[in-house]
Protein backbone atom coordinates (compact mmCIF):
# COMPACT_ATOMS: atom_id res chain seq x y z
CA MET A 1 -44.98 -1.72 25.28
CA ASN A 2 -45.87 -3.23 28.74
CA LYS A 3 -49.53 -2.45 29.21
CA ILE A 4 -50.14 -4.67 32.25
CA LEU A 5 -48.82 -3.14 35.47
CA THR A 6 -46.84 -5.35 37.38
CA LEU A 7 -48.71 -7.28 40.52
CA LEU A 8 -47.58 -5.11 43.18
CA ILE A 9 -49.92 -2.31 42.12
CA LEU A 10 -52.92 -4.64 43.06
CA LEU A 11 -52.05 -3.52 46.70
CA ILE A 12 -53.72 -0.06 45.60
CA SER A 13 -56.64 -1.47 43.96
CA ALA A 14 -59.44 0.65 44.87
CA THR A 15 -62.32 -1.90 44.89
CA THR A 16 -64.60 -3.11 47.33
CA GLN A 17 -64.66 -6.71 48.73
CA ALA A 18 -68.28 -8.27 48.38
CA GLN A 19 -70.04 -8.99 51.65
CA THR A 20 -69.92 -12.45 52.11
CA PRO A 21 -73.03 -13.28 53.12
CA ASP A 22 -74.54 -12.66 49.53
CA LEU A 23 -72.09 -15.47 48.27
CA PRO A 24 -72.90 -19.05 47.34
CA GLU A 25 -71.37 -21.29 49.94
CA PRO A 26 -68.85 -22.58 46.93
CA VAL A 27 -67.46 -18.86 46.88
CA LYS A 28 -67.37 -18.19 50.67
CA GLN A 29 -65.09 -21.62 50.67
CA MET A 30 -62.70 -19.76 48.12
CA GLN A 31 -62.50 -16.86 50.49
CA LYS A 32 -61.52 -19.31 53.35
CA GLN A 33 -58.79 -20.45 51.23
CA GLY A 34 -57.42 -16.88 50.79
CA ILE A 35 -59.37 -15.31 47.32
CA GLU A 36 -60.46 -11.81 48.14
CA ILE A 37 -63.83 -11.37 46.52
CA ILE A 38 -64.05 -8.19 44.38
CA LYS A 39 -67.28 -8.39 42.56
CA PRO A 40 -69.77 -10.51 41.07
CA PHE A 41 -70.10 -10.48 37.24
CA SER A 42 -72.44 -12.15 34.61
CA ALA A 43 -70.25 -14.26 32.27
CA PRO A 44 -71.73 -15.84 28.87
CA GLY A 45 -74.27 -18.81 28.85
CA GLY A 46 -76.01 -17.58 32.09
CA VAL A 47 -72.94 -18.28 34.31
CA GLU A 48 -72.70 -16.49 37.51
CA GLY A 49 -69.19 -15.30 37.70
CA TRP A 50 -66.95 -13.37 40.66
CA VAL A 51 -63.48 -11.53 40.26
CA GLY A 52 -61.02 -11.43 43.06
CA LYS A 53 -57.53 -11.58 44.10
CA TYR A 54 -55.27 -13.97 45.39
CA GLN A 55 -51.46 -13.28 46.37
CA ASP A 56 -51.93 -10.04 44.01
CA MET A 57 -52.94 -11.93 41.05
CA GLY A 58 -56.60 -11.29 39.44
CA VAL A 59 -58.56 -14.47 39.50
CA THR A 60 -62.24 -15.32 38.20
CA LEU A 61 -64.66 -17.96 39.64
CA TYR A 62 -67.43 -19.24 38.12
CA LEU A 63 -70.56 -20.76 39.97
CA THR A 64 -71.90 -24.18 38.05
CA PRO A 65 -75.78 -23.89 37.45
CA ASP A 66 -76.48 -26.29 40.73
CA LYS A 67 -74.98 -23.49 42.61
CA LYS A 68 -72.79 -26.34 44.67
CA HIS A 69 -69.54 -26.09 42.96
CA VAL A 70 -67.02 -23.16 41.73
CA ILE A 71 -64.66 -23.24 39.17
CA SER A 72 -61.35 -21.14 39.17
CA GLY A 73 -59.52 -20.50 35.95
CA TYR A 74 -60.32 -18.37 32.53
CA MET A 75 -63.15 -19.05 30.17
CA TYR A 76 -62.49 -18.65 26.62
CA ASP A 77 -65.20 -18.27 23.59
CA ALA A 78 -65.20 -20.08 20.17
CA GLU A 79 -62.56 -17.99 18.63
CA GLY A 80 -60.09 -18.69 21.69
CA ASN A 81 -60.81 -15.19 23.21
CA ASN A 82 -59.97 -15.24 27.01
CA LEU A 83 -63.06 -13.35 28.20
CA SER A 84 -61.74 -13.65 32.08
CA GLU A 85 -58.70 -11.48 31.54
CA LYS A 86 -61.10 -8.59 30.01
CA ILE A 87 -62.76 -8.63 33.35
CA ILE A 88 -59.91 -8.62 35.45
CA ASN A 89 -58.28 -6.08 33.52
CA ASP A 90 -61.15 -3.86 33.54
CA GLU A 91 -62.39 -4.70 37.10
CA ILE A 92 -58.90 -4.77 38.97
CA TYR A 93 -55.65 -3.83 36.72
CA ILE A 94 -56.94 -0.46 34.99
CA PRO A 95 -58.76 0.93 38.12
CA ALA A 96 -55.44 0.10 40.14
CA GLY A 97 -53.52 1.92 37.38
CA ARG A 98 -55.61 4.88 37.55
CA GLU A 99 -55.18 5.22 41.33
CA MET A 100 -51.24 4.88 40.86
CA TRP A 101 -51.55 7.83 38.33
CA LYS A 102 -53.19 10.14 41.11
CA GLN A 103 -50.26 9.29 43.18
CA LEU A 104 -47.75 10.18 40.67
CA THR A 105 -48.86 13.07 39.42
CA ALA A 106 -49.41 14.55 43.02
CA ALA A 107 -45.80 13.67 44.07
CA PRO A 108 -43.37 16.52 44.04
CA GLY A 109 -41.18 16.63 41.06
CA ILE A 110 -39.04 18.66 38.18
CA ALA A 111 -41.70 19.81 35.94
CA GLU A 112 -40.84 20.68 32.36
CA GLY A 113 -42.91 21.45 29.04
CA SER A 114 -46.00 23.02 29.02
CA PRO A 115 -49.44 22.26 31.17
CA ASP A 116 -51.23 22.45 27.80
CA ALA A 117 -49.17 19.26 26.53
CA LYS A 118 -51.36 16.43 24.81
CA CYS A 119 -49.49 13.82 27.39
CA GLN A 120 -48.20 14.00 30.59
CA VAL A 121 -45.14 11.86 31.65
CA VAL A 122 -43.66 11.04 34.77
CA VAL A 123 -40.02 9.81 34.79
CA PHE A 124 -37.98 8.17 37.97
CA ALA A 125 -34.20 9.21 37.17
CA ASP A 126 -31.16 8.76 38.86
CA PRO A 127 -28.91 11.92 38.58
CA PHE A 128 -26.34 9.34 37.07
CA CYS A 129 -28.44 7.28 34.75
CA PRO A 130 -26.85 7.21 31.22
CA TYR A 131 -30.20 5.94 30.01
CA CYS A 132 -32.18 8.72 31.84
CA ASN A 133 -29.99 11.38 30.30
CA LYS A 134 -30.43 9.59 26.84
CA PHE A 135 -34.34 9.67 27.23
CA TRP A 136 -33.80 13.49 28.29
CA HIS A 137 -32.39 14.41 25.18
CA GLN A 138 -35.00 12.41 22.99
CA ALA A 139 -37.57 14.26 24.97
CA GLN A 140 -36.92 17.57 24.40
CA PRO A 141 -38.18 17.95 20.66
CA PHE A 142 -41.57 16.81 21.90
CA ILE A 143 -41.88 18.84 25.15
CA LYS A 144 -41.21 21.94 22.97
CA ASP A 145 -43.68 21.07 20.34
CA LYS A 146 -46.32 20.65 23.46
CA SER A 147 -46.54 17.12 22.30
CA ILE A 148 -45.65 16.15 25.97
CA ASN A 149 -44.66 17.10 29.09
CA THR A 150 -42.47 15.34 31.70
CA LYS A 151 -42.37 15.66 35.67
CA THR A 152 -39.08 13.78 36.97
CA LEU A 153 -38.81 12.01 40.32
CA LEU A 154 -35.37 11.95 41.31
CA VAL A 155 -33.94 8.72 43.09
CA GLY A 156 -30.71 7.46 44.14
CA VAL A 157 -30.27 4.12 42.80
CA ILE A 158 -27.21 3.97 40.27
CA ARG A 159 -24.17 5.17 42.78
CA PRO A 160 -23.54 5.56 46.38
CA ASP A 161 -23.39 9.28 46.01
CA SER A 162 -26.73 9.39 43.95
CA ALA A 163 -28.99 10.05 46.35
CA GLN A 164 -26.60 12.98 47.80
CA TYR A 165 -26.51 14.59 43.94
CA ALA A 166 -30.67 14.18 43.90
CA ALA A 167 -30.62 16.12 47.01
CA ALA A 168 -28.30 18.83 46.01
CA ILE A 169 -30.62 19.50 42.52
CA LEU A 170 -33.93 19.40 44.61
CA SER A 171 -32.23 21.62 47.34
CA ALA A 172 -31.10 24.29 45.03
CA LYS A 173 -32.82 27.63 44.29
CA ASP A 174 -34.21 26.85 41.16
CA PRO A 175 -34.14 22.45 40.81
CA ALA A 176 -35.43 22.74 37.12
CA LYS A 177 -32.40 24.89 35.84
CA VAL A 178 -30.26 22.48 37.60
CA TRP A 179 -31.29 19.43 36.26
CA TYR A 180 -31.53 21.12 32.91
CA ASP A 181 -27.80 22.18 33.11
CA LEU A 182 -27.09 18.53 34.43
CA GLU A 183 -28.87 16.65 31.57
CA SER A 184 -27.90 19.11 28.64
CA SER A 185 -24.63 18.93 29.33
CA ASP A 186 -24.53 15.15 29.68
CA GLY A 187 -23.74 14.79 33.29
CA LYS A 188 -20.72 17.30 33.46
CA THR A 189 -22.14 20.26 35.00
CA LYS A 190 -22.68 18.91 38.32
CA PRO A 191 -24.62 20.84 41.21
CA ALA A 192 -22.73 21.54 44.39
CA LEU A 193 -22.97 18.93 47.23
CA GLN A 194 -24.76 20.25 50.13
CA GLY A 195 -23.96 19.56 53.86
CA ASP A 196 -27.12 18.30 55.33
CA THR A 197 -30.32 17.62 53.26
CA PRO A 198 -33.00 19.41 54.33
CA PRO A 199 -35.90 17.12 55.81
CA ALA A 200 -38.34 18.19 52.95
CA VAL A 201 -36.10 17.37 50.18
CA PHE A 202 -34.90 13.86 52.17
CA LYS A 203 -38.93 12.98 52.27
CA GLN A 204 -39.14 13.83 48.59
CA ILE A 205 -36.55 11.20 47.46
CA GLN A 206 -37.58 8.92 49.77
CA HIS A 207 -41.41 9.12 48.60
CA SER A 208 -40.10 8.84 45.07
CA GLN A 209 -38.00 5.56 45.90
CA GLN A 210 -41.30 4.36 47.82
CA LEU A 211 -43.33 5.01 44.68
CA MET A 212 -40.90 3.36 42.41
CA GLU A 213 -40.69 0.27 44.31
CA LYS A 214 -44.88 -0.03 44.74
CA LEU A 215 -44.68 -0.06 40.63
CA GLY A 216 -41.94 -2.93 40.73
CA ALA A 217 -39.64 -0.92 38.55
CA SER A 218 -36.34 -2.33 38.64
CA GLY A 219 -34.15 0.54 37.16
CA THR A 220 -34.21 3.65 35.64
CA PRO A 221 -35.55 5.64 33.82
CA ALA A 222 -39.09 4.19 34.95
CA ILE A 223 -41.91 5.84 32.52
CA TYR A 224 -45.28 6.48 33.04
CA TYR A 225 -48.18 7.81 31.81
CA LEU A 226 -51.95 7.58 31.06
CA ASN A 227 -53.02 6.89 27.33
CA LYS A 228 -56.26 8.52 25.92
CA ALA A 229 -57.92 5.06 26.97
CA GLN A 230 -57.02 6.54 30.49
CA VAL A 231 -54.98 2.95 31.00
CA LEU A 232 -51.68 3.51 32.99
CA GLN A 233 -48.94 2.54 30.37
CA GLN A 234 -44.89 1.76 32.06
CA ILE A 235 -41.77 1.61 29.86
CA ILE A 236 -38.58 0.34 32.07
CA GLY A 237 -35.41 1.89 30.33
CA MET A 238 -34.59 3.73 27.49
CA PRO A 239 -38.05 3.57 24.94
CA ASP A 240 -37.56 1.79 21.51
CA ALA A 241 -38.89 3.94 18.35
CA GLU A 242 -42.35 1.96 18.94
CA GLN A 243 -42.52 2.72 22.50
CA MET A 244 -41.39 6.44 21.93
CA ALA A 245 -44.02 6.86 19.25
CA ASP A 246 -46.74 5.46 21.43
CA LEU A 247 -45.49 7.68 24.29
CA VAL A 248 -45.77 11.13 22.16
CA ALA A 249 -49.31 10.09 20.80
CA CYS A 250 -50.65 9.08 24.14
CA LYS A 251 -51.10 5.65 22.82
């Protein structure tokens, strides 16, 4: 499973830039070269470090003891463990994922399952996506036993008329039932196309597609959940057996 978010998610990172006057001169020079300084940290061996972003990628900077030079790169321990990667994950990727999860859970969508389910799942789906349909069937037993619940954010990416059918589903009196009928029939029971799409429905589909683009998802289904460690997890495409087991366990 992809446990690290796409680089685009860094754009919504809820981090605070360090104040320039508090920085040593070599670190200030890195700022001038385009590195956004996030915060300082204490590295092993008494080395001063800073974590930052450059072109939406996490970076670590290490100040030499004479405070006249700075090194940009990874620090490793005697066992070959990448110590910088943990800092970048803890200070940038993981907080950014939690912020994105707030946006995903706040977005309107089609809910299935109990609010008391062990794991909440958000799925970007197209009405004509065959793998979305397969995932829907795969998820049903786990929705019924309250292992997971799902919220489907409909987008239009597969066919020219995908957005029209997404709008027809969301414009229905009972969108959840119309979606259920479509998926349970493997796409045979299609909703009747509407004339003009209500502005609120158009805005909802547009917002879902913008969220999907922010996450860098290139296709559907695009599946997200926050695991027990509060780290955002991403599955693009049909989950394999291991991914599905992790999702059901909220791992």
